Structures are given as C-alpha cells and as structure tokens.
C-alpha cells in the first residue's frame, strides 16, 4: 500500500506540536508554540475556529477530542502546566439557526449570533500539575480525562455531562522520571503511561473502589525513553496487546506486549 501527500494545512504561526482528529465530525485540531489550538474541517479543509483567548501563557503541547458527537469537546494541554477544555453545543446552534430562519420569515434583515469563535467556548481550566503538561487523553466513554506531566505524575479526572466540572480522583506517581504520554484502552478502563524512566505501565480501575487505580503491568523491555504506546483495537479474546515505541542511539522500533486478562479484567 502506497501513501502519498494529499494536502498540507498551513495551520499555525509557529512549531506544530500535535494533532488530533474527531472522525465522526470530520474535525482536526492542532496545537502549537503560538499558544493556540486551531480546529479545521477535514472535508472543506478550512479553519473553523481558533481557540486562544489568551488562555495559555506558554506553548500548547497536546490535544485530544472527547468521544462525543452531540457536544464536541477538546482538551488542550500546555507548557504552562494547565489544561483548557473547549466545547461547542451543536444542538444550541441548530436551535439558533432554526430561530434565525423563523425570524427571517418576518424580517429579512434580522441576524443571529453564536457566542464564541464559530460556536466554540472555553468551558474549564484544569490546574494541578507542577510542570508542563505533556499529554492528554479521554477514556473510551468520555467519563475520564487523563493528563501527564514532567512532574512525573499522571492525573485522572472525572467530568460531568457539561464538561465544566472536573474532579481529580487519582494521582499516579509510580514513575521515576517524567511521563511522556497517557493512552486509554479503546473499550476498557485501562490506562497506559509511557515514561522517560524507560518503562511503560498499565493501570486498571479497582473493582471495589472506582477512585483507585492499580498498576497491573510494567513493561521494562525498552532500551531508552518510552515515548508513546497504544492499545490494539482488535486483539484475541482476553488478551490486551500494547505496542510501545522507544528510541535508542541506533534506531527507533516498536515492541508489543501481550497481557492476558480474564472476564474482561486483570
């Protein structure tokens, strides 16, 4: 299978650090050293929103879409140690458009205005990390948001339906060096953390205490910093496979680890 360049987005005014895609809504988000997050429509390839509002004082480093189509939500992590949450209410926009169309029936000069940059609004600012936020990721059901930082910790936040209230339910501090990435399993409450300490760890929600997260696996095969990892979406029954990437002086390569589970749990 060959891959060719289809289109180049002139997205940001400085270094682009990360991108995220919302496939159902055909949206792409970029974050950059210009301290903004920009949202693009992948069908029209046009910029639909610039999420700035002087929210972050330093580089925006990571971005992740919440798995929701009715209320698109994006989390943006920054080197200023904070995470901003932005949302767009599609139902409100549809109602506003309907009201506008109704109003036009009576007055052709009437206009309707949506608050925010093309409907996107700042919903919350999450604080807690001591140093720059390196990665953010939503759980498969959108109930939890994981963040990690150079302060060697990963935080698990629980949110409500409005995405305006975030409560930290657990702080993971088992790594010896800064954590480069957090990644949720596509269908289970399993969280993988990749670290500069040359390990990748997997945490599972405790069966009896939902606020407690237990380390159930530690991958120590790396010969350098583990920069990232991801769960395979289609694995054998009761087996979780986690490819993880590390970098040595000679080359970069991928390793896979199979972890057997029983009845959907470790």
C-alpha atoms as a PDB file:
ATOM      1  CA  UNK A   1       0.000   0.000   0.000  1.00  0.00           C
ATOM      2  CA  UNK A   2       1.419   3.352  -1.012  1.00  0.00           C
ATOM      3  CA  UNK A   3       0.820   6.599   0.835  1.00  0.00           C
ATOM      4  CA  UNK A   4       1.036   9.998  -0.811  1.00  0.00           C
ATOM      5  CA  UNK A   5       0.633  13.557   0.410  1.00  0.00           C
ATOM      6  CA  UNK A   6      -2.926  14.736  -0.187  1.00  0.00           C
ATOM      7  CA  UNK A   7      -2.974  18.183   1.390  1.00  0.00           C
ATOM      8  CA  UNK A   8      -0.854  20.479   3.557  1.00  0.00           C
ATOM      9  CA  UNK A   9      -2.550  22.625   6.193  1.00  0.00           C
ATOM     10  CA  UNK A  10      -0.862  25.944   6.889  1.00  0.00           C
ATOM     11  CA  UNK A  11      -2.141  25.651  10.408  1.00  0.00           C
ATOM     12  CA  UNK A  12      -0.097  27.599  12.936  1.00  0.00           C
ATOM     13  CA  UNK A  13       2.261  30.540  13.182  1.00  0.00           C
ATOM     14  CA  UNK A  14       4.944  28.509  14.981  1.00  0.00           C
ATOM     15  CA  UNK A  15       6.011  24.886  15.570  1.00  0.00           C
ATOM     16  CA  UNK A  16       3.066  22.477  15.479  1.00  0.00           C
ATOM     17  CA  UNK A  17       3.411  20.019  18.381  1.00  0.00           C
ATOM     18  CA  UNK A  18       0.439  17.685  17.983  1.00  0.00           C
ATOM     19  CA  UNK A  19      -2.764  16.959  16.073  1.00  0.00           C
ATOM     20  CA  UNK A  20      -5.989  15.138  16.971  1.00  0.00           C
ATOM     21  CA  UNK A  21      -8.908  14.007  14.815  1.00  0.00           C
ATOM     22  CA  UNK A  22     -12.626  13.634  15.546  1.00  0.00           C
ATOM     23  CA  UNK A  23     -13.544  11.168  12.762  1.00  0.00           C
ATOM     24  CA  UNK A  24     -17.328  11.277  13.150  1.00  0.00           C
ATOM     25  CA  UNK A  25     -17.441  15.070  12.838  1.00  0.00           C
ATOM     26  CA  UNK A  26     -14.520  15.299  10.363  1.00  0.00           C
ATOM     27  CA  UNK A  27     -12.613  17.720  12.600  1.00  0.00           C
ATOM     28  CA  UNK A  28      -8.879  18.124  13.143  1.00  0.00           C
ATOM     29  CA  UNK A  29      -7.231  20.068  15.970  1.00  0.00           C
ATOM     30  CA  UNK A  30      -3.660  21.355  16.030  1.00  0.00           C
ATOM     31  CA  UNK A  31      -1.638  22.820  18.908  1.00  0.00           C
ATOM     32  CA  UNK A  32       1.452  24.936  18.605  1.00  0.00           C
ATOM     33  CA  UNK A  33       4.155  27.088  20.086  1.00  0.00           C
ATOM     34  CA  UNK A  34       1.930  30.017  19.104  1.00  0.00           C
ATOM     35  CA  UNK A  35      -0.141  29.154  22.247  1.00  0.00           C
ATOM     36  CA  UNK A  36      -3.330  28.380  20.309  1.00  0.00           C
ATOM     37  CA  UNK A  37      -5.422  25.411  19.278  1.00  0.00           C
ATOM     38  CA  UNK A  38      -6.910  25.537  15.802  1.00  0.00           C
ATOM     39  CA  UNK A  39      -9.872  23.481  14.566  1.00  0.00           C
ATOM     40  CA  UNK A  40     -10.170  22.519  10.886  1.00  0.00           C
ATOM     41  CA  UNK A  41     -12.939  20.892   8.864  1.00  0.00           C
ATOM     42  CA  UNK A  42     -11.319  17.941   7.069  1.00  0.00           C
ATOM     43  CA  UNK A  43     -13.971  17.944   4.339  1.00  0.00           C
ATOM     44  CA  UNK A  44     -13.626  21.592   3.350  1.00  0.00           C
ATOM     45  CA  UNK A  45     -10.025  21.873   4.654  1.00  0.00           C
ATOM     46  CA  UNK A  46     -10.944  25.245   6.117  1.00  0.00           C
ATOM     47  CA  UNK A  47     -10.170  26.749   9.507  1.00  0.00           C
ATOM     48  CA  UNK A  48     -13.372  26.801  11.573  1.00  0.00           C
ATOM     49  CA  UNK A  49     -12.086  28.074  14.929  1.00  0.00           C
ATOM     50  CA  UNK A  50      -9.021  29.453  16.703  1.00  0.00           C
ATOM     51  CA  UNK A  51      -9.097  28.651  20.403  1.00  0.00           C
ATOM     52  CA  UNK A  52      -6.905  31.269  22.007  1.00  0.00           C
ATOM     53  CA  UNK A  53      -8.463  33.996  24.163  1.00  0.00           C
ATOM     54  CA  UNK A  54      -5.047  34.368  25.870  1.00  0.00           C
ATOM     55  CA  UNK A  55      -5.918  31.179  27.761  1.00  0.00           C
ATOM     56  CA  UNK A  56      -2.398  29.753  27.816  1.00  0.00           C
ATOM     57  CA  UNK A  57       0.770  31.710  28.592  1.00  0.00           C
ATOM     58  CA  UNK A  58       3.080  29.120  27.007  1.00  0.00           C
ATOM     59  CA  UNK A  59       3.168  26.569  24.173  1.00  0.00           C
ATOM     60  CA  UNK A  60       0.129  24.349  23.731  1.00  0.00           C
ATOM     61  CA  UNK A  61       1.679  20.868  23.675  1.00  0.00           C
ATOM     62  CA  UNK A  62      -1.087  18.239  23.356  1.00  0.00           C
ATOM     63  CA  UNK A  63      -4.716  17.906  22.325  1.00  0.00           C
ATOM     64  CA  UNK A  64      -7.472  15.277  22.457  1.00  0.00           C
ATOM     65  CA  UNK A  65     -11.125  15.151  21.340  1.00  0.00           C
ATOM     66  CA  UNK A  66     -13.723  13.710  23.693  1.00  0.00           C
ATOM     67  CA  UNK A  67     -15.607  10.805  22.035  1.00  0.00           C
ATOM     68  CA  UNK A  68     -18.875  12.714  21.671  1.00  0.00           C
ATOM     69  CA  UNK A  69     -20.740  13.907  18.586  1.00  0.00           C
ATOM     70  CA  UNK A  70     -23.612  15.914  20.088  1.00  0.00           C
ATOM     71  CA  UNK A  71     -21.319  18.190  22.086  1.00  0.00           C
ATOM     72  CA  UNK A  72     -17.819  18.311  20.523  1.00  0.00           C
ATOM     73  CA  UNK A  73     -15.237  18.847  23.251  1.00  0.00           C
ATOM     74  CA  UNK A  74     -11.474  19.178  23.084  1.00  0.00           C
ATOM     75  CA  UNK A  75      -8.830  19.162  25.835  1.00  0.00           C
ATOM     76  CA  UNK A  76      -5.668  21.214  25.297  1.00  0.00           C
ATOM     77  CA  UNK A  77      -2.568  20.744  27.462  1.00  0.00           C
ATOM     78  CA  UNK A  78       0.083  23.428  27.768  1.00  0.00           C
ATOM     79  CA  UNK A  79       3.636  24.033  28.946  1.00  0.00           C
ATOM     80  CA  UNK A  80       2.096  26.466  31.460  1.00  0.00           C
ATOM     81  CA  UNK A  81       1.017  23.356  33.478  1.00  0.00           C
ATOM     82  CA  UNK A  82      -2.712  23.799  32.778  1.00  0.00           C
ATOM     83  CA  UNK A  83      -5.317  22.108  30.583  1.00  0.00           C
ATOM     84  CA  UNK A  84      -8.111  24.034  28.890  1.00  0.00           C
ATOM     85  CA  UNK A  85     -11.439  22.448  27.949  1.00  0.00           C
ATOM     86  CA  UNK A  86     -13.317  23.819  24.935  1.00  0.00           C
ATOM     87  CA  UNK A  87     -16.755  22.841  23.685  1.00  0.00           C
ATOM     88  CA  UNK A  88     -19.319  23.515  21.011  1.00  0.00           C
ATOM     89  CA  UNK A  89     -23.043  22.892  21.518  1.00  0.00           C
ATOM     90  CA  UNK A  90     -24.370  21.644  18.188  1.00  0.00           C
ATOM     91  CA  UNK A  91     -27.957  21.383  19.452  1.00  0.00           C
ATOM     92  CA  UNK A  92     -27.879  25.001  20.615  1.00  0.00           C
ATOM     93  CA  UNK A  93     -26.528  26.046  17.238  1.00  0.00           C
ATOM     94  CA  UNK A  94     -29.239  24.110  15.429  1.00  0.00           C
ATOM     95  CA  UNK A  95     -31.884  25.778  17.606  1.00  0.00           C
ATOM     96  CA  UNK A  96     -30.298  29.170  16.996  1.00  0.00           C
ATOM     97  CA  UNK A  97     -30.293  28.531  13.262  1.00  0.00           C
ATOM     98  CA  UNK A  98     -33.932  27.463  13.381  1.00  0.00           C
ATOM     99  CA  UNK A  99     -34.846  30.605  15.320  1.00  0.00           C
ATOM    100  CA  UNK A 100     -32.905  32.671  12.819  1.00  0.00           C
ATOM    101  CA  UNK A 101     -34.707  31.069   9.902  1.00  0.00           C
ATOM    102  CA  UNK A 102     -38.049  31.675  11.615  1.00  0.00           C
ATOM    103  CA  UNK A 103     -37.124  35.277  12.308  1.00  0.00           C
ATOM    104  CA  UNK A 104     -36.151  35.783   8.687  1.00  0.00           C
ATOM    105  CA  UNK A 105     -39.663  34.848   7.670  1.00  0.00           C
ATOM    106  CA  UNK A 106     -40.782  38.029   9.391  1.00  0.00           C
ATOM    107  CA  UNK A 107     -37.750  40.251   8.917  1.00  0.00           C
ATOM    108  CA  UNK A 108     -35.218  39.630   6.164  1.00  0.00           C
ATOM    109  CA  UNK A 109     -32.675  41.913   7.852  1.00  0.00           C
ATOM    110  CA  UNK A 110     -32.556  40.000  11.167  1.00  0.00           C
ATOM    111  CA  UNK A 111     -29.372  38.157  12.219  1.00  0.00           C
ATOM    112  CA  UNK A 112     -28.472  35.540  14.814  1.00  0.00           C
ATOM    113  CA  UNK A 113     -25.080  35.484  16.534  1.00  0.00           C
ATOM    114  CA  UNK A 114     -23.435  32.485  18.219  1.00  0.00           C
ATOM    115  CA  UNK A 115     -21.223  33.180  21.222  1.00  0.00           C
ATOM    116  CA  UNK A 116     -17.531  32.294  20.860  1.00  0.00           C
ATOM    117  CA  UNK A 117     -15.260  31.559  17.902  1.00  0.00           C
ATOM    118  CA  UNK A 118     -17.646  29.827  15.493  1.00  0.00           C
ATOM    119  CA  UNK A 119     -19.555  28.401  18.439  1.00  0.00           C
ATOM    120  CA  UNK A 120     -16.534  27.111  20.417  1.00  0.00           C
ATOM    121  CA  UNK A 121     -16.395  28.274  24.033  1.00  0.00           C
ATOM    122  CA  UNK A 122     -13.943  27.901  26.905  1.00  0.00           C
ATOM    123  CA  UNK A 123     -15.615  25.590  29.437  1.00  0.00           C
ATOM    124  CA  UNK A 124     -12.966  24.973  32.088  1.00  0.00           C
ATOM    125  CA  UNK A 125      -9.335  25.390  33.105  1.00  0.00           C
ATOM    126  CA  UNK A 126      -7.767  22.420  34.902  1.00  0.00           C
ATOM    127  CA  UNK A 127      -4.875  23.081  37.269  1.00  0.00           C
ATOM    128  CA  UNK A 128      -2.796  20.732  39.396  1.00  0.00           C
ATOM    129  CA  UNK A 129       0.421  19.748  37.624  1.00  0.00           C
ATOM    130  CA  UNK A 130       3.646  21.408  38.742  1.00  0.00           C
ATOM    131  CA  UNK A 131       5.289  21.421  35.303  1.00  0.00           C
ATOM    132  CA  UNK A 132       4.363  21.353  31.631  1.00  0.00           C
ATOM    133  CA  UNK A 133       1.576  19.014  30.550  1.00  0.00           C
ATOM    134  CA  UNK A 134       2.932  16.508  28.025  1.00  0.00           C
ATOM    135  CA  UNK A 135      -0.187  14.503  27.071  1.00  0.00           C
ATOM    136  CA  UNK A 136      -3.971  14.412  27.483  1.00  0.00           C
ATOM    137  CA  UNK A 137      -6.392  11.632  26.539  1.00  0.00           C
ATOM    138  CA  UNK A 138     -10.104  10.857  27.068  1.00  0.00           C
ATOM    139  CA  UNK A 139     -11.359   7.419  28.117  1.00  0.00           C
ATOM    140  CA  UNK A 140     -13.453   5.471  25.619  1.00  0.00           C
ATOM    141  CA  UNK A 141     -16.742   6.579  27.230  1.00  0.00           C
ATOM    142  CA  UNK A 142     -15.654  10.169  27.832  1.00  0.00           C
ATOM    143  CA  UNK A 143     -16.103   9.842  31.599  1.00  0.00           C
ATOM    144  CA  UNK A 144     -12.429  10.277  32.442  1.00  0.00           C
ATOM    145  CA  UNK A 145      -9.640  12.545  31.227  1.00  0.00           C
ATOM    146  CA  UNK A 146      -6.018  11.562  31.845  1.00  0.00           C
ATOM    147  CA  UNK A 147      -3.180  14.103  31.899  1.00  0.00           C
ATOM    148  CA  UNK A 148       0.547  13.685  32.479  1.00  0.00           C
ATOM    149  CA  UNK A 149       3.478  15.995  33.059  1.00  0.00           C
ATOM    150  CA  UNK A 150       7.184  16.457  33.525  1.00  0.00           C
ATOM    151  CA  UNK A 151       6.449  16.392  37.271  1.00  0.00           C
ATOM    152  CA  UNK A 152       6.469  12.530  36.976  1.00  0.00           C
ATOM    153  CA  UNK A 153       2.729  12.240  37.641  1.00  0.00           C
ATOM    154  CA  UNK A 154      -0.394  11.279  35.740  1.00  0.00           C
ATOM    155  CA  UNK A 155      -3.766  12.585  36.907  1.00  0.00           C
ATOM    156  CA  UNK A 156      -7.157  11.004  36.269  1.00  0.00           C
ATOM    157  CA  UNK A 157     -10.048  13.476  36.187  1.00  0.00           C
ATOM    158  CA  UNK A 158     -13.751  12.681  36.287  1.00  0.00           C
ATOM    159  CA  UNK A 159     -16.068  15.056  34.439  1.00  0.00           C
ATOM    160  CA  UNK A 160     -19.793  15.732  34.224  1.00  0.00           C
ATOM    161  CA  UNK A 161     -22.082  15.890  31.193  1.00  0.00           C
ATOM    162  CA  UNK A 162     -21.490  19.632  30.755  1.00  0.00           C
ATOM    163  CA  UNK A 163     -17.672  19.265  30.697  1.00  0.00           C
ATOM    164  CA  UNK A 164     -17.428  22.220  33.075  1.00  0.00           C
ATOM    165  CA  UNK A 165     -16.620  20.386  36.327  1.00  0.00           C
ATOM    166  CA  UNK A 166     -13.508  18.223  36.671  1.00  0.00           C
ATOM    167  CA  UNK A 167     -12.604  16.329  39.837  1.00  0.00           C
ATOM    168  CA  UNK A 168      -9.228  14.662  40.264  1.00  0.00           C
ATOM    169  CA  UNK A 169      -9.951  11.153  41.523  1.00  0.00           C
ATOM    170  CA  UNK A 170      -6.419   9.748  41.409  1.00  0.00           C
ATOM    171  CA  UNK A 171      -2.809  10.884  41.048  1.00  0.00           C
ATOM    172  CA  UNK A 172      -0.427   8.242  39.689  1.00  0.00           C
ATOM    173  CA  UNK A 173       3.135   8.741  40.964  1.00  0.00           C
ATOM    174  CA  UNK A 174       4.853   5.424  40.258  1.00  0.00           C
ATOM    175  CA  UNK A 175       7.247   6.612  37.543  1.00  0.00           C
ATOM    176  CA  UNK A 176      10.768   7.721  38.437  1.00  0.00           C
ATOM    177  CA  UNK A 177      11.045  10.250  35.594  1.00  0.00           C
ATOM    178  CA  UNK A 178       8.706  12.489  33.605  1.00  0.00           C
ATOM    179  CA  UNK A 179       5.767  10.866  31.824  1.00  0.00           C
ATOM    180  CA  UNK A 180       5.702  11.409  28.076  1.00  0.00           C
ATOM    181  CA  UNK A 181       2.236  10.098  27.209  1.00  0.00           C
ATOM    182  CA  UNK A 182      -1.032   8.714  28.565  1.00  0.00           C
ATOM    183  CA  UNK A 183      -3.247   6.447  26.446  1.00  0.00           C
ATOM    184  CA  UNK A 184      -6.610   4.830  27.215  1.00  0.00           C
ATOM    185  CA  UNK A 185      -7.754   1.425  26.001  1.00  0.00           C
ATOM    186  CA  UNK A 186     -10.451   1.729  23.274  1.00  0.00           C
ATOM    187  CA  UNK A 187     -13.086  -0.232  25.211  1.00  0.00           C
ATOM    188  CA  UNK A 188     -11.836  -0.849  28.773  1.00  0.00           C
ATOM    189  CA  UNK A 189     -10.872   1.345  31.723  1.00  0.00           C
ATOM    190  CA  UNK A 190      -7.181   0.636  31.245  1.00  0.00           C
ATOM    191  CA  UNK A 191      -4.619   3.440  31.119  1.00  0.00           C
ATOM    192  CA  UNK A 192      -1.079   3.151  29.732  1.00  0.00           C
ATOM    193  CA  UNK A 193       1.656   5.577  30.771  1.00  0.00           C
ATOM    194  CA  UNK A 194       4.947   5.958  28.863  1.00  0.00           C
ATOM    195  CA  UNK A 195       7.954   7.459  30.604  1.00  0.00           C
ATOM    196  CA  UNK A 196      11.491   8.757  30.410  1.00  0.00           C
ATOM    197  CA  UNK A 197      12.358   6.105  33.026  1.00  0.00           C
ATOM    198  CA  UNK A 198      12.353   3.519  30.177  1.00  0.00           C
ATOM    199  CA  UNK A 199       9.141   1.831  31.308  1.00  0.00           C
ATOM    200  CA  UNK A 200       5.524   1.674  30.222  1.00  0.00           C
ATOM    201  CA  UNK A 201       2.915   0.868  32.860  1.00  0.00           C
ATOM    202  CA  UNK A 202      -0.734  -0.158  32.665  1.00  0.00           C
ATOM    203  CA  UNK A 203      -3.261   0.851  35.306  1.00  0.00           C
ATOM    204  CA  UNK A 204      -6.694  -0.654  35.904  1.00  0.00           C
ATOM    205  CA  UNK A 205      -9.635   0.777  37.801  1.00  0.00           C
ATOM    206  CA  UNK A 206     -10.152  -1.081  41.073  1.00  0.00           C
ATOM    207  CA  UNK A 207     -13.249  -3.298  41.108  1.00  0.00           C
ATOM    208  CA  UNK A 208     -14.290  -2.227  44.613  1.00  0.00           C
ATOM    209  CA  UNK A 209     -13.108   1.391  44.673  1.00  0.00           C
ATOM    210  CA  UNK A 210     -13.632   3.217  41.375  1.00  0.00           C
ATOM    211  CA  UNK A 211     -11.403   6.085  42.511  1.00  0.00           C
ATOM    212  CA  UNK A 212      -8.425   3.763  42.986  1.00  0.00           C
ATOM    213  CA  UNK A 213      -6.236   2.757  40.030  1.00  0.00           C
ATOM    214  CA  UNK A 214      -3.870  -0.194  40.329  1.00  0.00           C
ATOM    215  CA  UNK A 215      -0.686  -0.845  38.340  1.00  0.00           C
ATOM    216  CA  UNK A 216      -1.267  -4.276  36.802  1.00  0.00           C
ATOM    217  CA  UNK A 217       1.634  -4.417  34.347  1.00  0.00           C
ATOM    218  CA  UNK A 218       5.094  -2.897  33.964  1.00  0.00           C
ATOM    219  CA  UNK A 219       6.884  -3.143  30.630  1.00  0.00           C
ATOM    220  CA  UNK A 220      10.650  -2.989  31.140  1.00  0.00           C
ATOM    221  CA  UNK A 221      11.930  -4.157  27.739  1.00  0.00           C
ATOM    222  CA  UNK A 222      12.803  -0.682  26.461  1.00  0.00           C
ATOM    223  CA  UNK A 223      16.400   0.427  25.997  1.00  0.00           C
ATOM    224  CA  UNK A 224      15.612   4.106  26.192  1.00  0.00           C
ATOM    225  CA  UNK A 225      12.839   6.604  26.775  1.00  0.00           C
ATOM    226  CA  UNK A 226       9.389   5.176  26.019  1.00  0.00           C
ATOM    227  CA  UNK A 227       7.828   7.997  24.060  1.00  0.00           C
ATOM    228  CA  UNK A 228       4.420   6.564  23.271  1.00  0.00           C
ATOM    229  CA  UNK A 229       2.189   3.500  23.320  1.00  0.00           C
ATOM    230  CA  UNK A 230      -1.231   2.459  22.098  1.00  0.00           C
ATOM    231  CA  UNK A 231      -3.622  -0.437  22.552  1.00  0.00           C
ATOM    232  CA  UNK A 232      -4.592  -2.596  19.599  1.00  0.00           C
ATOM    233  CA  UNK A 233      -8.296  -2.237  18.929  1.00  0.00           C
ATOM    234  CA  UNK A 234      -8.731  -5.856  17.772  1.00  0.00           C
ATOM    235  CA  UNK A 235      -6.972  -8.372  19.990  1.00  0.00           C
ATOM    236  CA  UNK A 236      -7.531 -12.010  20.833  1.00  0.00           C
ATOM    237  CA  UNK A 237     -10.175 -12.710  23.465  1.00  0.00           C
ATOM    238  CA  UNK A 238      -8.994 -11.843  26.985  1.00  0.00           C
ATOM    239  CA  UNK A 239      -5.669 -10.562  25.653  1.00  0.00           C
ATOM    240  CA  UNK A 240      -4.569  -6.931  25.651  1.00  0.00           C
ATOM    241  CA  UNK A 241      -1.770  -6.061  23.219  1.00  0.00           C
ATOM    242  CA  UNK A 242       0.149  -2.842  23.699  1.00  0.00           C
ATOM    243  CA  UNK A 243       2.713  -1.668  21.123  1.00  0.00           C
ATOM    244  CA  UNK A 244       5.193   0.754  22.686  1.00  0.00           C
ATOM    245  CA  UNK A 245       7.901   2.801  20.973  1.00  0.00           C
ATOM    246  CA  UNK A 246      11.295   3.599  22.419  1.00  0.00           C
ATOM    247  CA  UNK A 247      14.333   5.243  20.886  1.00  0.00           C
ATOM    248  CA  UNK A 248      17.923   4.052  21.150  1.00  0.00           C
ATOM    249  CA  UNK A 249      21.044   5.631  19.770  1.00  0.00           C
ATOM    250  CA  UNK A 250      20.969   3.234  16.827  1.00  0.00           C
ATOM    251  CA  UNK A 251      17.311   3.223  15.780  1.00  0.00           C
ATOM    252  CA  UNK A 252      13.697   3.533  16.781  1.00  0.00           C
ATOM    253  CA  UNK A 253      11.500   0.477  16.925  1.00  0.00           C
ATOM    254  CA  UNK A 254       8.169  -0.878  18.121  1.00  0.00           C
ATOM    255  CA  UNK A 255       7.627  -3.560  20.736  1.00  0.00           C
ATOM    256  CA  UNK A 256       4.406  -5.401  21.522  1.00  0.00           C
ATOM    257  CA  UNK A 257       3.418  -6.871  24.848  1.00  0.00           C
ATOM    258  CA  UNK A 258       0.574  -9.354  25.346  1.00  0.00           C
ATOM    259  CA  UNK A 259      -1.174  -9.215  28.708  1.00  0.00           C
ATOM    260  CA  UNK A 260      -3.755 -11.879  29.438  1.00  0.00           C
ATOM    261  CA  UNK A 261      -6.978 -10.920  31.135  1.00  0.00           C
ATOM    262  CA  UNK A 262      -9.905 -12.926  32.460  1.00  0.00           C
ATOM    263  CA  UNK A 263     -13.557 -11.920  32.176  1.00  0.00           C
ATOM    264  CA  UNK A 264     -12.557  -8.552  30.846  1.00  0.00           C
ATOM    265  CA  UNK A 265     -10.457  -7.754  33.928  1.00  0.00           C
ATOM    266  CA  UNK A 266      -6.845  -8.359  35.010  1.00  0.00           C
END
